[in-house]
PDB file of N, CA and C in Angstrom:
ATOM      1  N   MET A   1       1.060  -1.104   0.046  1.00  0.00           N
ATOM      2  CA  MET A   1      -0.212  -0.192  -0.123  1.00  0.00           C
ATOM      3  C   MET A   1       0.756   0.542  -0.171  1.00  0.00           C
ATOM      4  N   SER A   2       1.515   1.242   0.370  1.00  0.00           N
ATOM      5  CA  SER A   2       2.926   2.448   0.669  1.00  0.00           C
ATOM      6  C   SER A   2       3.531   2.119  -0.274  1.00  0.00           C
ATOM      7  N   SER A   3       3.551   1.694  -1.117  1.00  0.00           N
ATOM      8  CA  SER A   3       4.574   1.636  -2.653  1.00  0.00           C
ATOM      9  C   SER A   3       3.357   2.377  -3.934  1.00  0.00           C
ATOM     10  N   MET A   4       2.370   2.495  -3.391  1.00  0.00           N
ATOM     11  CA  MET A   4       0.868   2.679  -4.585  1.00  0.00           C
ATOM     12  C   MET A   4       1.063   3.850  -3.652  1.00  0.00           C
ATOM     13  N   ILE A   5       0.481   4.606  -2.928  1.00  0.00           N
ATOM     14  CA  ILE A   5       0.948   5.492  -1.931  1.00  0.00           C
ATOM     15  C   ILE A   5       2.569   7.447  -2.609  1.00  0.00           C
ATOM     16  N   MET A   6       3.420   6.735  -2.705  1.00  0.00           N
ATOM     17  CA  MET A   6       4.267   6.514  -3.486  1.00  0.00           C
ATOM     18  C   MET A   6       4.870   7.426  -4.433  1.00  0.00           C
ATOM     19  N   GLY A   7       4.259   5.750  -5.480  1.00  0.00           N
ATOM     20  CA  GLY A   7       3.504   5.839  -7.332  1.00  0.00           C
ATOM     21  C   GLY A   7       3.149   7.117  -6.830  1.00  0.00           C
ATOM     22  N   GLY A   8       2.008   7.517  -5.911  1.00  0.00           N
ATOM     23  CA  GLY A   8       0.708   8.485  -6.461  1.00  0.00           C
ATOM     24  C   GLY A   8       1.436   9.907  -6.145  1.00  0.00           C
ATOM     25  N   ALA A   9       2.724   9.759  -5.592  1.00  0.00           N
ATOM     26  CA  ALA A   9       2.757  11.495  -5.235  1.00  0.00           C
ATOM     27  C   ALA A   9       4.012  11.857  -6.390  1.00  0.00           C
ATOM     28  N   ILE A  10       4.867  10.787  -6.813  1.00  0.00           N
ATOM     29  CA  ILE A  10       5.862  10.650  -7.924  1.00  0.00           C
ATOM     30  C   ILE A  10       4.312  11.190  -9.270  1.00  0.00           C
ATOM     31  N   ALA A  11       3.346  10.545  -8.902  1.00  0.00           N
ATOM     32  CA  ALA A  11       2.734  10.926 -10.795  1.00  0.00           C
ATOM     33  C   ALA A  11       1.979  12.067 -10.549  1.00  0.00           C
ATOM     34  N   SER A  12       2.500  13.265  -9.407  1.00  0.00           N
ATOM     35  CA  SER A  12       1.252  14.480  -8.560  1.00  0.00           C
ATOM     36  C   SER A  12       2.340  15.123  -9.079  1.00  0.00           C
ATOM     37  N   VAL A  13       3.777  14.844  -8.431  1.00  0.00           N
ATOM     38  CA  VAL A  13       4.694  16.165  -8.729  1.00  0.00           C
ATOM     39  C   VAL A  13       5.493  16.297 -10.207  1.00  0.00           C
ATOM     40  N   MET A  14       5.020  14.808 -11.107  1.00  0.00           N
ATOM     41  CA  MET A  14       5.916  14.777 -11.857  1.00  0.00           C
ATOM     42  C   MET A  14       4.230  15.804 -12.943  1.00  0.00           C
ATOM     43  N   TRP A  15       3.543  15.764 -12.730  1.00  0.00           N
ATOM     44  CA  TRP A  15       2.910  16.703 -13.491  1.00  0.00           C
ATOM     45  C   TRP A  15       1.988  17.718 -13.301  1.00  0.00           C
ATOM     46  N   ILE A  16       2.204  17.897 -11.637  1.00  0.00           N
ATOM     47  CA  ILE A  16       2.376  19.423 -11.390  1.00  0.00           C
ATOM     48  C   ILE A  16       3.535  20.682 -12.164  1.00  0.00           C
ATOM     49  N   VAL A  17       4.569  19.305 -12.429  1.00  0.00           N
ATOM     50  CA  VAL A  17       5.775  20.198 -13.318  1.00  0.00           C
ATOM     51  C   VAL A  17       6.132  20.224 -14.322  1.00  0.00           C
ATOM     52  N   PHE A  18       5.680  18.825 -14.963  1.00  0.00           N
ATOM     53  CA  PHE A  18       6.209  18.792 -16.454  1.00  0.00           C
ATOM     54  C   PHE A  18       4.126  20.065 -17.220  1.00  0.00           C
ATOM     55  N   VAL A  19       2.844  19.603 -17.245  1.00  0.00           N
ATOM     56  CA  VAL A  19       2.411  20.367 -16.990  1.00  0.00           C
ATOM     57  C   VAL A  19       2.282  22.292 -17.468  1.00  0.00           C
ATOM     58  N   PRO A  20       3.071  23.074 -16.201  1.00  0.00           N
ATOM     59  CA  PRO A  20       3.704  24.719 -16.908  1.00  0.00           C
ATOM     60  C   PRO A  20       3.930  24.943 -17.540  1.00  0.00           C
ATOM     61  N   TRP A  21       5.671  23.297 -17.516  1.00  0.00           N
ATOM     62  CA  TRP A  21       6.472  23.482 -17.876  1.00  0.00           C
ATOM     63  C   TRP A  21       6.291  23.291 -19.376  1.00  0.00           C
ATOM     64  N   SER A  22       5.377  22.086 -20.338  1.00  0.00           N
ATOM     65  CA  SER A  22       5.070  21.629 -21.613  1.00  0.00           C
ATOM     66  C   SER A  22       4.720  23.899 -22.000  1.00  0.00           C
ATOM     67  N   LYS A  23       3.513  24.163 -21.117  1.00  0.00           N
ATOM     68  CA  LYS A  23       2.839  25.286 -21.512  1.00  0.00           C
ATOM     69  C   LYS A  23       3.762  26.871 -21.983  1.00  0.00           C
ATOM     70  N   LEU A  24       4.773  26.818 -20.264  1.00  0.00           N
ATOM     71  CA  LEU A  24       5.587  27.974 -20.998  1.00  0.00           C
ATOM     72  C   LEU A  24       6.590  27.204 -23.031  1.00  0.00           C
ATOM     73  N   ARG A  25       6.803  26.528 -22.722  1.00  0.00           N
ATOM     74  CA  ARG A  25       6.971  26.220 -24.212  1.00  0.00           C
ATOM     75  C   ARG A  25       6.373  26.293 -25.148  1.00  0.00           C
ATOM     76  N   ARG A  26       5.110  25.651 -25.394  1.00  0.00           N
ATOM     77  CA  ARG A  26       4.286  26.586 -25.723  1.00  0.00           C
ATOM     78  C   ARG A  26       4.576  28.751 -26.127  1.00  0.00           C
ATOM     79  N   LEU A  27       3.962  28.982 -25.461  1.00  0.00           N
ATOM     80  CA  LEU A  27       3.660  30.130 -25.514  1.00  0.00           C
ATOM     81  C   LEU A  27       5.298  31.298 -26.057  1.00  0.00           C
ATOM     82  N   ARG A  28       6.572  30.770 -25.379  1.00  0.00           N
ATOM     83  CA  ARG A  28       7.467  30.910 -26.308  1.00  0.00           C
ATOM     84  C   ARG A  28       7.916  30.457 -27.510  1.00  0.00           C
ATOM     85  N   GLU A  29       7.068  29.332 -28.753  1.00  0.00           N
ATOM     86  CA  GLU A  29       7.064  29.582 -29.144  1.00  0.00           C
ATOM     87  C   GLU A  29       6.534  30.355 -29.971  1.00  0.00           C
ATOM     88  N   LEU A  30       4.869  29.898 -29.406  1.00  0.00           N
ATOM     89  CA  LEU A  30       4.149  31.029 -30.199  1.00  0.00           C
ATOM     90  C   LEU A  30       4.577  32.649 -30.262  1.00  0.00           C
ATOM     91  N   ASP A  31       5.359  33.139 -29.713  1.00  0.00           N
ATOM     92  CA  ASP A  31       5.993  34.370 -29.472  1.00  0.00           C
ATOM     93  C   ASP A  31       6.945  34.260 -30.048  1.00  0.00           C
ATOM     94  N   GLU A  32       7.624  33.445 -30.528  1.00  0.00           N
ATOM     95  CA  GLU A  32       8.458  33.655 -31.625  1.00  0.00           C
ATOM     96  C   GLU A  32       8.092  33.584 -32.728  1.00  0.00           C
ATOM     97  N   ARG A  33       7.016  33.173 -33.006  1.00  0.00           N
ATOM     98  CA  ARG A  33       6.318  32.863 -34.521  1.00  0.00           C
ATOM     99  C   ARG A  33       5.743  34.404 -34.638  1.00  0.00           C
ATOM    100  N   ALA A  34       5.351  35.104 -33.087  1.00  0.00           N
ATOM    101  CA  ALA A  34       4.854  36.182 -33.426  1.00  0.00           C
ATOM    102  C   ALA A  34       5.429  37.647 -33.248  1.00  0.00           C
ATOM    103  N   GLU A  35       6.861  37.438 -33.665  1.00  0.00           N
ATOM    104  CA  GLU A  35       7.842  38.117 -33.282  1.00  0.00           C
ATOM    105  C   GLU A  35       8.691  37.694 -35.058  1.00  0.00           C
ATOM    106  N   ARG A  36       7.960  37.451 -36.024  1.00  0.00           N
ATOM    107  CA  ARG A  36       8.458  36.602 -36.442  1.00  0.00           C
ATOM    108  C   ARG A  36       8.272  37.966 -38.118  1.00  0.00           C
ATOM    109  N   PRO A  37       7.628  38.716 -38.323  1.00  0.00           N
ATOM    110  CA  PRO A  37       6.538  39.493 -39.198  1.00  0.00           C
ATOM    111  C   PRO A  37       6.944  39.215 -40.679  1.00  0.00           C
ATOM    112  N   ASP A  38       7.223  38.030 -41.109  1.00  0.00           N
ATOM    113  CA  ASP A  38       7.268  37.383 -42.516  1.00  0.00           C
ATOM    114  C   ASP A  38       6.978  36.372 -42.292  1.00  0.00           C
ATOM    115  N   GLY A  39       7.326  35.266 -40.980  1.00  0.00           N
ATOM    116  CA  GLY A  39       6.436  34.027 -41.081  1.00  0.00           C
ATOM    117  C   GLY A  39       4.841  33.908 -41.609  1.00  0.00           C
ATOM    118  N   ASP A  40       4.716  32.847 -41.831  1.00  0.00           N
ATOM    119  CA  ASP A  40       3.214  31.964 -42.464  1.00  0.00           C
ATOM    120  C   ASP A  40       3.513  31.392 -41.673  1.00  0.00           C
TER     121      ASP A  40
END
């Protein structure tokens, strides 16, 4: 049972770290695309 709790804690921490990171990366890509005036 303790291993299940440990797995859940690790999964939640990974989720909390991964989601904002992927969002930041997408925002950065959109910013780079917007800065380029002749980019399609």
